[in-house]
Amino acid sequence: MKHYMKVMKKENMRRKTKRKQSQEQNQIIEEKKLEKEDEEVKEEQNQEDIDNESEEILFTIRRRQKGKLVVDDDDETEEEIASDSEEDAEEEI
C-alpha cells in the first residue's frame, strides 16, 4: 500500500509539472501572438504615416507648380506664414 501511495504521489506531481509547463508554453505562445499583432499594427501605422506624408508632399509640389505658396508647417505662426508669403511674392517680381 505504501508503494502505491508513493507511485500515485509521483504521478500527481508529474501531472502538475506537465500542466504547469503546458500553461507556461501557452502563455508564451499567446504573448508572441500579441507581439506579432502589435508589430503588424505598427507597420500599418507607419505605412499610413508614409502615405500621408507622400500625399502632403505631392499636394505641396502641385500647388507650388501652379504658382501658389503652400505652408503646411504647424510650428509656424500666422505672422511667419504671412512674412514667407510676402518674401515669395517679392521674389516672383
N, C-alpha and C. Protein backbone atom coordinates (compact mmCIF):
# COMPACT_ATOMS: atom_id res chain seq x y z
N MET A 1 0.82 -1.19 0.00
CA MET A 1 0.00 0.00 0.00
C MET A 1 0.86 1.26 0.00
N LYS A 2 1.95 1.23 0.75
CA LYS A 2 2.83 2.38 0.77
C LYS A 2 3.41 2.64 -0.61
N HIS A 3 3.76 1.58 -1.27
CA HIS A 3 4.33 1.72 -2.62
C HIS A 3 3.32 2.37 -3.57
N TYR A 4 2.10 1.95 -3.48
CA TYR A 4 1.03 2.51 -4.31
C TYR A 4 0.89 4.01 -4.06
N MET A 5 0.93 4.41 -2.81
CA MET A 5 0.80 5.82 -2.45
C MET A 5 1.97 6.64 -3.01
N LYS A 6 3.17 6.07 -2.95
CA LYS A 6 4.34 6.75 -3.49
C LYS A 6 4.20 6.94 -5.00
N VAL A 7 3.77 5.89 -5.65
CA VAL A 7 3.60 5.94 -7.11
C VAL A 7 2.54 6.98 -7.47
N MET A 8 1.46 7.01 -6.76
CA MET A 8 0.38 7.97 -7.05
C MET A 8 0.85 9.41 -6.78
N LYS A 9 1.60 9.57 -5.72
CA LYS A 9 2.11 10.90 -5.40
C LYS A 9 3.04 11.39 -6.51
N LYS A 10 3.92 10.51 -6.97
CA LYS A 10 4.83 10.86 -8.06
C LYS A 10 4.04 11.18 -9.33
N GLU A 11 3.04 10.39 -9.58
CA GLU A 11 2.22 10.60 -10.78
C GLU A 11 1.50 11.94 -10.71
N ASN A 12 0.96 12.27 -9.55
CA ASN A 12 0.30 13.57 -9.37
C ASN A 12 1.27 14.72 -9.56
N MET A 13 2.47 14.58 -9.02
CA MET A 13 3.49 15.62 -9.18
C MET A 13 3.87 15.77 -10.66
N ARG A 14 4.00 14.65 -11.34
CA ARG A 14 4.33 14.68 -12.76
C ARG A 14 3.24 15.40 -13.55
N ARG A 15 1.99 15.10 -13.23
CA ARG A 15 0.86 15.75 -13.91
C ARG A 15 0.84 17.26 -13.65
N LYS A 16 1.07 17.64 -12.39
CA LYS A 16 1.11 19.06 -12.05
C LYS A 16 2.22 19.77 -12.82
N THR A 17 3.37 19.12 -12.87
CA THR A 17 4.51 19.71 -13.58
C THR A 17 4.19 19.87 -15.06
N LYS A 18 3.63 18.84 -15.66
CA LYS A 18 3.26 18.90 -17.08
C LYS A 18 2.21 19.97 -17.33
N ARG A 19 1.24 20.06 -16.46
CA ARG A 19 0.18 21.06 -16.59
C ARG A 19 0.78 22.47 -16.51
N LYS A 20 1.67 22.65 -15.56
CA LYS A 20 2.31 23.96 -15.39
C LYS A 20 3.15 24.31 -16.63
N GLN A 21 3.90 23.35 -17.13
CA GLN A 21 4.71 23.58 -18.33
C GLN A 21 3.82 23.93 -19.52
N SER A 22 2.73 23.22 -19.63
CA SER A 22 1.80 23.47 -20.72
C SER A 22 1.22 24.88 -20.63
N GLN A 23 0.85 25.28 -19.42
CA GLN A 23 0.31 26.63 -19.22
C GLN A 23 1.35 27.69 -19.57
N GLU A 24 2.60 27.45 -19.17
CA GLU A 24 3.67 28.40 -19.48
C GLU A 24 3.89 28.49 -20.99
N GLN A 25 3.87 27.35 -21.67
CA GLN A 25 4.04 27.35 -23.12
C GLN A 25 2.89 28.09 -23.80
N ASN A 26 1.68 27.85 -23.33
CA ASN A 26 0.53 28.54 -23.90
C ASN A 26 0.63 30.05 -23.68
N GLN A 27 1.11 30.44 -22.51
CA GLN A 27 1.27 31.86 -22.22
C GLN A 27 2.32 32.47 -23.14
N ILE A 28 3.42 31.77 -23.35
CA ILE A 28 4.47 32.26 -24.24
C ILE A 28 3.93 32.40 -25.67
N ILE A 29 3.19 31.40 -26.11
CA ILE A 29 2.60 31.44 -27.46
C ILE A 29 1.66 32.63 -27.58
N GLU A 30 0.84 32.85 -26.58
CA GLU A 30 -0.11 33.97 -26.60
C GLU A 30 0.63 35.31 -26.62
N GLU A 31 1.70 35.43 -25.84
CA GLU A 31 2.49 36.66 -25.83
C GLU A 31 3.12 36.91 -27.20
N LYS A 32 3.61 35.86 -27.84
CA LYS A 32 4.20 36.01 -29.17
C LYS A 32 3.15 36.46 -30.18
N LYS A 33 1.94 35.90 -30.06
CA LYS A 33 0.86 36.31 -30.96
C LYS A 33 0.55 37.80 -30.78
N LEU A 34 0.48 38.23 -29.53
CA LEU A 34 0.20 39.64 -29.24
C LEU A 34 1.31 40.55 -29.76
N GLU A 35 2.56 40.12 -29.59
CA GLU A 35 3.69 40.90 -30.10
C GLU A 35 3.62 41.00 -31.62
N LYS A 36 3.28 39.90 -32.27
CA LYS A 36 3.18 39.90 -33.73
C LYS A 36 2.06 40.84 -34.18
N GLU A 37 0.93 40.79 -33.49
CA GLU A 37 -0.18 41.69 -33.83
C GLU A 37 0.23 43.15 -33.62
N ASP A 38 0.94 43.42 -32.53
CA ASP A 38 1.41 44.79 -32.28
C ASP A 38 2.34 45.26 -33.39
N GLU A 39 3.25 44.38 -33.83
CA GLU A 39 4.17 44.73 -34.91
C GLU A 39 3.40 45.02 -36.19
N GLU A 40 2.40 44.20 -36.48
CA GLU A 40 1.60 44.41 -37.69
C GLU A 40 0.87 45.75 -37.63
N VAL A 41 0.32 46.07 -36.47
CA VAL A 41 -0.38 47.35 -36.31
C VAL A 41 0.60 48.51 -36.49
N LYS A 42 1.79 48.39 -35.89
CA LYS A 42 2.80 49.44 -36.03
C LYS A 42 3.21 49.60 -37.49
N GLU A 43 3.40 48.49 -38.20
CA GLU A 43 3.76 48.56 -39.62
C GLU A 43 2.66 49.25 -40.42
N GLU A 44 1.41 48.92 -40.12
CA GLU A 44 0.29 49.56 -40.82
C GLU A 44 0.27 51.06 -40.53
N GLN A 45 0.49 51.43 -39.28
CA GLN A 45 0.50 52.85 -38.91
C GLN A 45 1.65 53.57 -39.60
N ASN A 46 2.83 52.92 -39.64
CA ASN A 46 3.97 53.53 -40.31
C ASN A 46 3.68 53.72 -41.79
N GLN A 47 3.06 52.73 -42.41
CA GLN A 47 2.73 52.84 -43.83
C GLN A 47 1.72 53.95 -44.06
N GLU A 48 0.74 54.07 -43.17
CA GLU A 48 -0.25 55.15 -43.29
C GLU A 48 0.43 56.51 -43.13
N ASP A 49 1.36 56.61 -42.18
CA ASP A 49 2.10 57.86 -41.99
C ASP A 49 2.91 58.21 -43.24
N ILE A 50 3.57 57.21 -43.81
CA ILE A 50 4.36 57.43 -45.02
C ILE A 50 3.44 57.87 -46.16
N ASP A 51 2.31 57.20 -46.30
CA ASP A 51 1.35 57.57 -47.35
C ASP A 51 0.85 58.99 -47.16
N ASN A 52 0.53 59.35 -45.92
CA ASN A 52 0.05 60.71 -45.64
C ASN A 52 1.12 61.74 -45.95
N GLU A 53 2.37 61.46 -45.56
CA GLU A 53 3.46 62.39 -45.84
C GLU A 53 3.66 62.53 -47.35
N SER A 54 3.57 61.42 -48.06
CA SER A 54 3.73 61.46 -49.51
C SER A 54 2.63 62.29 -50.15
N GLU A 55 1.41 62.12 -49.67
CA GLU A 55 0.30 62.91 -50.19
C GLU A 55 0.51 64.39 -49.92
N GLU A 56 0.98 64.73 -48.73
CA GLU A 56 1.24 66.13 -48.40
C GLU A 56 2.32 66.71 -49.30
N ILE A 57 3.37 65.95 -49.53
CA ILE A 57 4.46 66.42 -50.39
C ILE A 57 3.95 66.63 -51.81
N LEU A 58 3.20 65.66 -52.32
CA LEU A 58 2.66 65.81 -53.67
C LEU A 58 1.73 67.00 -53.77
N PHE A 59 0.90 67.20 -52.77
CA PHE A 59 -0.02 68.34 -52.75
C PHE A 59 0.77 69.64 -52.78
N THR A 60 1.81 69.72 -51.95
CA THR A 60 2.64 70.93 -51.89
C THR A 60 3.32 71.17 -53.22
N ILE A 61 3.87 70.14 -53.82
CA ILE A 61 4.55 70.29 -55.11
C ILE A 61 3.57 70.77 -56.17
N ARG A 62 2.40 70.18 -56.21
CA ARG A 62 1.41 70.58 -57.21
C ARG A 62 1.00 72.04 -57.02
N ARG A 63 0.78 72.42 -55.77
CA ARG A 63 0.39 73.81 -55.50
C ARG A 63 1.50 74.77 -55.89
N ARG A 64 2.73 74.42 -55.60
CA ARG A 64 3.86 75.29 -55.96
C ARG A 64 4.03 75.36 -57.46
N GLN A 65 3.77 74.26 -58.14
CA GLN A 65 3.87 74.27 -59.60
C GLN A 65 2.82 75.18 -60.21
N LYS A 66 1.73 75.35 -59.53
CA LYS A 66 0.68 76.25 -60.02
C LYS A 66 0.98 77.69 -59.63
N GLY A 67 2.10 77.93 -58.96
CA GLY A 67 2.49 79.28 -58.60
C GLY A 67 1.92 79.75 -57.29
N LYS A 68 1.41 78.85 -56.52
CA LYS A 68 0.84 79.23 -55.23
C LYS A 68 1.75 78.71 -54.12
N LEU A 69 1.79 79.43 -53.05
CA LEU A 69 2.60 79.03 -51.91
C LEU A 69 1.73 78.24 -50.93
N VAL A 70 2.25 77.12 -50.52
CA VAL A 70 1.56 76.33 -49.51
C VAL A 70 2.51 76.14 -48.35
N VAL A 71 2.10 76.58 -47.19
CA VAL A 71 2.90 76.38 -46.00
C VAL A 71 2.11 75.44 -45.10
N ASP A 72 2.69 74.29 -44.88
CA ASP A 72 2.00 73.30 -44.05
C ASP A 72 2.88 72.94 -42.86
N ASP A 73 3.32 73.97 -42.16
CA ASP A 73 4.18 73.76 -41.00
C ASP A 73 3.40 74.20 -39.77
N ASP A 74 3.03 73.24 -38.96
CA ASP A 74 2.20 73.53 -37.79
C ASP A 74 2.92 74.41 -36.77
N ASP A 75 4.25 74.44 -36.83
CA ASP A 75 5.00 75.21 -35.86
C ASP A 75 5.06 76.70 -36.22
N GLU A 76 4.77 77.05 -37.44
CA GLU A 76 4.84 78.45 -37.86
C GLU A 76 3.61 79.22 -37.38
N THR A 77 3.85 80.47 -37.04
CA THR A 77 2.74 81.32 -36.63
C THR A 77 2.13 81.96 -37.86
N GLU A 78 1.00 82.59 -37.68
CA GLU A 78 0.34 83.28 -38.79
C GLU A 78 1.26 84.36 -39.37
N GLU A 79 1.99 85.08 -38.49
CA GLU A 79 2.89 86.14 -38.94
C GLU A 79 4.01 85.57 -39.80
N GLU A 80 4.59 84.44 -39.40
CA GLU A 80 5.65 83.83 -40.18
C GLU A 80 5.13 83.39 -41.54
N ILE A 81 3.94 82.86 -41.57
CA ILE A 81 3.35 82.44 -42.84
C ILE A 81 3.15 83.65 -43.74
N ALA A 82 2.61 84.72 -43.19
CA ALA A 82 2.39 85.94 -43.97
C ALA A 82 3.72 86.50 -44.45
N SER A 83 4.73 86.50 -43.60
CA SER A 83 6.06 87.00 -43.96
C SER A 83 6.64 86.18 -45.10
N ASP A 84 6.54 84.86 -45.00
CA ASP A 84 7.03 83.99 -46.06
C ASP A 84 6.29 84.25 -47.36
N SER A 85 5.01 84.48 -47.28
CA SER A 85 4.22 84.75 -48.48
C SER A 85 4.67 86.03 -49.14
N GLU A 86 4.94 87.07 -48.34
CA GLU A 86 5.41 88.34 -48.87
C GLU A 86 6.77 88.19 -49.53
N GLU A 87 7.67 87.44 -48.90
CA GLU A 87 9.00 87.22 -49.46
C GLU A 87 8.91 86.48 -50.78
N ASP A 88 8.07 85.49 -50.86
CA ASP A 88 7.90 84.75 -52.10
C ASP A 88 7.31 85.63 -53.18
N ALA A 89 6.39 86.50 -52.81
CA ALA A 89 5.79 87.41 -53.78
C ALA A 89 6.84 88.37 -54.31
N GLU A 90 7.74 88.87 -53.46
CA GLU A 90 8.81 89.76 -53.89
C GLU A 90 9.77 89.04 -54.81
N GLU A 91 10.07 87.78 -54.52
CA GLU A 91 10.98 87.00 -55.35
C GLU A 91 10.40 86.79 -56.75
N GLU A 92 9.11 86.62 -56.84
CA GLU A 92 8.48 86.41 -58.14
C GLU A 92 8.52 87.66 -59.00
N ILE A 93 8.55 88.83 -58.38
CA ILE A 93 8.57 90.10 -59.13
C ILE A 93 9.94 90.33 -59.61
